[in-house]
């Protein structure tokens, strides 16, 4: 997907460079400035704390040192140590403020998850997931038909809900259904995550659209128009992954268990 993103931007830049910029206005070239090797080394040393982050997170998960949840907690501690004690770019007052804002957001998400857990318990007691799995097997539904149904459902839900809410509400139902038709768990996790991300980029209430709007300052209509090609690329990646499942299974298969 990353390679296809790069290819799209490069090809579009070659065909029509102005189309890459708002209102077709290409920024003027910034004058280049010579930088000494000493300055480069200093800049690299300052950036090393951030550059080390993906190595720490992905390397730790890959080697089985910690789970993704534990990695998130570890990165919080790492960020506080670097920002407060090493780079001194963050005060304790700002750390406390960030923690309070994080608690507000987490509380909101936990309320949603609590409701979803109640729903999951009801689904389990009513044996809805088991009934759906039995129906899929009895009706002879293929994996393709089940995946198409799951994709459409998640795509529509993504227009109105955030990813965490969609996951905790639908996963207890869809996962047994996928396993019943023989879909690999790891492959389904990649498919499920990518489908949710597609839904979060779709109007009218696609959450990531508003995130991009807030960061870029562009109008929502411009953001939606700009994300359409990338939505098509993501859908293309799902299709490629369907025909070549090892694209999603090879790397996890080499991880330390």
Protein backbone atom coordinates (compact mmCIF):
# COMPACT_ATOMS: atom_id res chain seq x y z
CA UNK A 1 0.00 0.00 0.00
CA UNK A 2 2.86 2.34 0.85
CA UNK A 3 4.50 1.62 -2.52
CA UNK A 4 1.24 2.29 -4.36
CA UNK A 5 0.82 5.59 -2.49
CA UNK A 6 4.29 6.70 -3.59
CA UNK A 7 3.67 5.58 -7.18
CA UNK A 8 0.40 7.51 -7.34
CA UNK A 9 1.92 10.75 -6.05
CA UNK A 10 4.96 10.46 -8.36
CA UNK A 11 2.86 9.71 -11.45
CA UNK A 12 0.42 12.51 -10.66
CA UNK A 13 3.32 14.92 -10.10
CA UNK A 14 4.82 14.00 -13.47
CA UNK A 15 1.50 14.29 -15.33
CA UNK A 16 0.29 17.50 -13.67
CA UNK A 17 2.40 18.97 -10.87
CA UNK A 18 -0.14 21.71 -10.15
CA UNK A 19 -2.79 19.13 -9.22
CA UNK A 20 -0.80 18.24 -6.09
CA UNK A 21 -1.35 21.68 -4.55
CA UNK A 22 -4.35 23.61 -3.30
CA UNK A 23 -5.88 25.73 -6.09
CA UNK A 24 -3.05 24.62 -8.37
CA UNK A 25 -0.58 27.07 -6.85
CA UNK A 26 2.91 25.57 -6.74
CA UNK A 27 5.03 27.00 -3.87
CA UNK A 28 8.09 28.93 -4.95
CA UNK A 29 11.41 27.14 -4.58
CA UNK A 30 13.13 27.68 -1.23
CA UNK A 31 16.75 28.76 -1.47
CA UNK A 32 19.11 25.94 -0.50
CA UNK A 33 21.59 26.49 2.28
CA UNK A 34 24.85 24.64 2.75
CA UNK A 35 25.05 22.77 6.03
CA UNK A 36 28.28 21.57 7.58
CA UNK A 37 28.82 17.95 8.61
CA UNK A 38 28.99 19.05 12.22
CA UNK A 39 25.51 20.59 11.98
CA UNK A 40 24.23 17.44 10.32
CA UNK A 41 25.60 15.27 13.12
CA UNK A 42 24.02 17.56 15.74
CA UNK A 43 20.67 17.44 13.92
CA UNK A 44 20.89 13.65 13.61
CA UNK A 45 21.63 13.30 17.31
CA UNK A 46 18.63 15.47 18.20
CA UNK A 47 16.40 13.48 15.84
CA UNK A 48 17.69 10.10 17.01
CA UNK A 49 15.21 9.97 19.89
CA UNK A 50 12.32 10.13 17.45
CA UNK A 51 13.97 7.89 14.85
CA UNK A 52 14.48 5.22 17.50
CA UNK A 53 10.73 5.08 18.27
CA UNK A 54 9.55 2.77 15.43
CA UNK A 55 12.58 0.53 15.99
CA UNK A 56 11.69 0.24 19.68
CA UNK A 57 7.99 -0.41 19.09
CA UNK A 58 8.01 -2.66 16.02
CA UNK A 59 11.23 -4.42 17.03
CA UNK A 60 9.89 -5.21 20.50
CA UNK A 61 6.62 -6.56 19.11
CA UNK A 62 8.39 -8.54 16.38
CA UNK A 63 10.82 -10.13 18.85
CA UNK A 64 8.02 -10.95 21.28
CA UNK A 65 9.37 -8.71 24.05
CA UNK A 66 5.99 -7.08 24.60
CA UNK A 67 2.47 -6.91 23.15
CA UNK A 68 1.20 -3.86 21.20
CA UNK A 69 -0.69 -2.68 24.30
CA UNK A 70 2.43 -2.97 26.45
CA UNK A 71 4.40 -1.17 23.72
CA UNK A 72 1.98 1.76 23.92
CA UNK A 73 2.49 2.03 27.68
CA UNK A 74 6.24 1.78 27.26
CA UNK A 75 6.24 4.55 24.66
CA UNK A 76 4.40 6.86 27.05
CA UNK A 77 7.17 6.41 29.61
CA UNK A 78 9.81 6.77 26.89
CA UNK A 79 8.24 10.00 25.60
CA UNK A 80 8.06 11.51 29.10
CA UNK A 81 11.70 10.66 29.84
CA UNK A 82 12.93 12.09 26.52
CA UNK A 83 10.76 15.24 26.52
CA UNK A 84 11.06 16.13 30.22
CA UNK A 85 14.53 14.98 31.25
CA UNK A 86 16.60 14.87 28.06
CA UNK A 87 15.27 17.43 25.56
CA UNK A 88 13.48 19.50 28.24
CA UNK A 89 10.78 20.47 25.73
CA UNK A 90 7.90 19.56 28.05
CA UNK A 91 7.15 20.74 31.58
CA UNK A 92 5.50 18.66 34.27
CA UNK A 93 2.48 20.97 34.11
CA UNK A 94 2.07 20.09 30.42
CA UNK A 95 2.53 16.39 31.19
CA UNK A 96 -0.26 16.54 33.78
CA UNK A 97 -2.47 18.47 31.34
CA UNK A 98 -1.87 15.85 28.65
CA UNK A 99 -2.67 13.08 31.11
CA UNK A 100 -5.97 14.74 32.04
CA UNK A 101 -6.95 15.20 28.39
CA UNK A 102 -5.99 11.60 27.73
CA UNK A 103 -8.12 10.48 30.67
CA UNK A 104 -11.14 12.32 29.22
CA UNK A 105 -10.74 10.67 25.83
CA UNK A 106 -10.05 7.26 27.38
CA UNK A 107 -13.12 7.56 29.60
CA UNK A 108 -15.29 8.25 26.57
CA UNK A 109 -13.87 5.25 24.73
CA UNK A 110 -14.21 3.05 27.83
CA UNK A 111 -17.89 3.96 28.08
CA UNK A 112 -18.34 2.82 24.48
CA UNK A 113 -16.37 -0.35 25.15
CA UNK A 114 -18.43 -1.05 28.29
CA UNK A 115 -21.62 -0.82 26.26
CA UNK A 116 -20.10 -3.00 23.56
CA UNK A 117 -19.10 -5.61 26.17
CA UNK A 118 -22.73 -5.73 27.33
CA UNK A 119 -23.77 -6.17 23.70
CA UNK A 120 -21.13 -8.88 23.32
CA UNK A 121 -22.49 -10.71 26.35
CA UNK A 122 -26.02 -10.56 24.92
CA UNK A 123 -24.73 -11.79 21.54
CA UNK A 124 -22.97 -14.67 23.31
CA UNK A 125 -26.01 -15.65 25.41
CA UNK A 126 -28.32 -15.50 22.40
CA UNK A 127 -25.73 -17.48 20.40
CA UNK A 128 -26.03 -15.03 17.52
CA UNK A 129 -22.43 -15.52 16.39
CA UNK A 130 -22.71 -19.30 16.61
CA UNK A 131 -26.00 -19.21 14.71
CA UNK A 132 -24.47 -17.05 11.98
CA UNK A 133 -21.50 -19.40 11.71
CA UNK A 134 -23.81 -22.42 11.46
CA UNK A 135 -25.93 -20.64 8.86
CA UNK A 136 -22.85 -19.80 6.77
CA UNK A 137 -21.70 -23.41 6.86
CA UNK A 138 -25.17 -24.81 6.18
CA UNK A 139 -25.87 -22.40 3.33
CA UNK A 140 -22.52 -23.17 1.75
CA UNK A 141 -21.43 -19.52 1.75
CA UNK A 142 -17.98 -19.01 0.35
CA UNK A 143 -15.24 -17.00 2.04
CA UNK A 144 -15.60 -14.39 -0.72
CA UNK A 145 -19.29 -13.86 0.05
CA UNK A 146 -18.65 -13.56 3.78
CA UNK A 147 -15.78 -11.09 3.24
CA UNK A 148 -17.93 -9.00 0.89
CA UNK A 149 -20.69 -8.84 3.53
CA UNK A 150 -18.22 -7.90 6.28
CA UNK A 151 -16.57 -5.27 4.07
CA UNK A 152 -19.88 -3.57 3.22
CA UNK A 153 -20.99 -3.59 6.86
CA UNK A 154 -17.73 -2.10 8.17
CA UNK A 155 -17.62 0.40 5.31
CA UNK A 156 -21.08 1.75 6.18
CA UNK A 157 -20.42 1.78 9.94
CA UNK A 158 -17.17 3.66 9.33
CA UNK A 159 -19.18 6.57 7.96
CA UNK A 160 -20.73 7.17 11.36
CA UNK A 161 -18.61 5.54 14.12
CA UNK A 162 -14.98 5.50 15.24
CA UNK A 163 -12.76 2.46 14.76
CA UNK A 164 -12.74 1.31 18.40
CA UNK A 165 -16.54 1.33 18.57
CA UNK A 166 -16.87 -0.60 15.32
CA UNK A 167 -14.37 -3.19 16.46
CA UNK A 168 -15.85 -3.96 19.87
CA UNK A 169 -19.40 -4.07 18.47
CA UNK A 170 -18.85 -6.20 15.36
CA UNK A 171 -15.79 -8.35 16.05
CA UNK A 172 -17.56 -10.83 18.42
CA UNK A 173 -19.96 -11.56 15.56
CA UNK A 174 -17.72 -11.37 12.49
CA UNK A 175 -14.70 -13.27 13.80
CA UNK A 176 -16.54 -16.60 14.43
CA UNK A 177 -18.26 -16.13 11.07
CA UNK A 178 -14.92 -15.70 9.30
CA UNK A 179 -13.40 -18.71 11.06
CA UNK A 180 -16.43 -20.82 10.13
CA UNK A 181 -15.69 -20.39 6.41
CA UNK A 182 -11.98 -21.10 6.84
CA UNK A 183 -10.48 -17.58 6.82
CA UNK A 184 -7.07 -17.32 8.51
CA UNK A 185 -7.13 -15.33 11.77
CA UNK A 186 -4.06 -13.19 11.04
CA UNK A 187 -5.16 -12.46 7.47
CA UNK A 188 -8.63 -11.54 8.73
CA UNK A 189 -7.10 -9.15 11.28
CA UNK A 190 -5.26 -7.28 8.52
CA UNK A 191 -8.36 -7.26 6.30
CA UNK A 192 -10.54 -6.08 9.19
CA UNK A 193 -8.18 -3.26 10.20
CA UNK A 194 -7.72 -2.00 6.64
CA UNK A 195 -11.48 -2.08 6.01
CA UNK A 196 -12.13 -0.03 9.16
CA UNK A 197 -9.52 2.51 8.00
CA UNK A 198 -11.32 2.79 4.67
CA UNK A 199 -14.58 3.44 6.50
CA UNK A 200 -12.96 6.18 8.60
CA UNK A 201 -12.11 8.09 5.40
CA UNK A 202 -15.65 8.09 4.04
CA UNK A 203 -18.16 10.94 4.47
CA UNK A 204 -20.36 12.14 6.07
CA UNK A 205 -18.80 11.49 9.48
CA UNK A 206 -15.54 9.71 8.63
CA UNK A 207 -13.44 10.47 11.70
CA UNK A 208 -10.09 10.73 9.89
CA UNK A 209 -11.51 13.27 7.44
CA UNK A 210 -11.98 15.73 10.30
CA UNK A 211 -8.50 14.94 11.64
CA UNK A 212 -6.98 15.79 8.25
CA UNK A 213 -9.15 18.91 8.01
CA UNK A 214 -7.99 20.10 11.43
CA UNK A 215 -4.30 19.51 10.66
CA UNK A 216 -4.30 20.93 7.13
CA UNK A 217 -6.78 23.78 7.55
CA UNK A 218 -8.39 22.88 4.21
CA UNK A 219 -12.12 22.68 3.62
CA UNK A 220 -13.85 19.35 4.21
CA UNK A 221 -14.87 19.15 0.53
CA UNK A 222 -11.21 19.50 -0.52
CA UNK A 223 -10.13 16.85 1.97
CA UNK A 224 -12.77 14.40 0.75
CA UNK A 225 -11.79 14.99 -2.87
CA UNK A 226 -8.12 14.51 -2.05
CA UNK A 227 -8.65 11.23 -0.18
CA UNK A 228 -10.69 9.51 -2.91
CA UNK A 229 -7.66 8.22 -4.88
CA UNK A 230 -6.14 6.85 -1.69
CA UNK A 231 -9.42 5.09 -0.84
CA UNK A 232 -9.28 3.39 -4.23
CA UNK A 233 -5.67 2.36 -3.58
CA UNK A 234 -6.64 0.86 -0.21
CA UNK A 235 -9.50 -1.06 -1.84
CA UNK A 236 -7.06 -2.26 -4.52
CA UNK A 237 -4.70 -3.46 -1.76
CA UNK A 238 -7.53 -5.47 -0.21
CA UNK A 239 -8.15 -7.10 -3.58
CA UNK A 240 -4.44 -7.87 -4.08
CA UNK A 241 -4.23 -9.24 -0.55
CA UNK A 242 -7.19 -11.51 -1.27
CA UNK A 243 -5.45 -13.12 -4.25
CA UNK A 244 -2.00 -13.12 -2.59
CA UNK A 245 -2.64 -13.79 1.14
CA UNK A 246 1.07 -14.24 1.90
CA UNK A 247 1.46 -10.47 1.63
CA UNK A 248 -0.27 -10.33 5.01
CA UNK A 249 0.92 -13.65 6.43
CA UNK A 250 4.65 -13.86 5.64
CA UNK A 251 6.02 -11.28 8.09
CA UNK A 252 3.84 -12.30 11.07
CA UNK A 253 4.83 -15.89 10.36
CA UNK A 254 8.48 -15.05 11.02
CA UNK A 255 7.84 -13.35 14.38
CA UNK A 256 9.03 -14.80 17.67
CA UNK A 257 6.07 -16.54 19.33
